[in-house]
């Protein structure tokens, strides 16, 4: 079966089982079902960030900004059935890796179909983070005392405004899954910034319901995607994304490339690529 046919079936499966999946996750945040289709058999561990993205390095970690605790990428997983994990999402990733390897963004650009698939991939990461943050407890915030009642609550309950209700958290989860069932991503194209990068290492940061940045150094490409915000032009999105990336790099002390590099933007190492 072709990848496009598999994605059609994937969207149908999500539409048919969305209520069952979301209700199960709300009733039991640690429920052991496929978080995409609701299947309870032949479950696997689906990595929230695919292992190939960070070269399968078991020491790589990311910081959860809500409590400032670190977690390794390789142990950050959610349950998914073999079909959703390996056959559908696995093939989507293999397709994208092939495209990333074959393209030289200095001379060419992704097709609209490829952009749709990149956006879908980034949206699956967002949905998995929503699920993950309901499955992880806040625990102890770095630098603060442990408060049992608060510490046992899901991280997701603390990632929005102070007055954010559980119903809003569950609504965000529901919408994130629903987004995966939408075929056309045309209206989202300007929200995706595709950048040529010369930085030597993988870099990632994410703000739930806001944006994701993922830098694939092995392919000289990086993606910044605004999950909700829409833009009249790609240039508007690029300007805002570059400022966020610059601030993030500065706050984490990320090593920057030589400003004189032929294809790296000064002080960033990433350069926006505009579609012709």
Foldseek 3Di string as FASTA:
>chain_A
DDLVVLLLVLLVLQVVALVVLLVQCVVPLQDQAANRRRHNPQKDWAQLDDCVQAVVDQPDWDADVLQRDIDTRVPRTHIHHCCVRCVHLVVLVVVLVVVLQPDDLVVADDDQVSLLSVVLNVLSSLLSVLSSQQVAFSAHRPPDDGDVVRRRGGNLQRQDDPPDDVVNSSVLNSVSSNVSSDRDCVQQSLQKWKKQFCDQHWDWDDRRQAWIWTARNVSRMIIIGGNPDGDPHSVVNVVVVVVVQLVVCVVVVPDADDCVPPRAHGPRRIGTRDHD
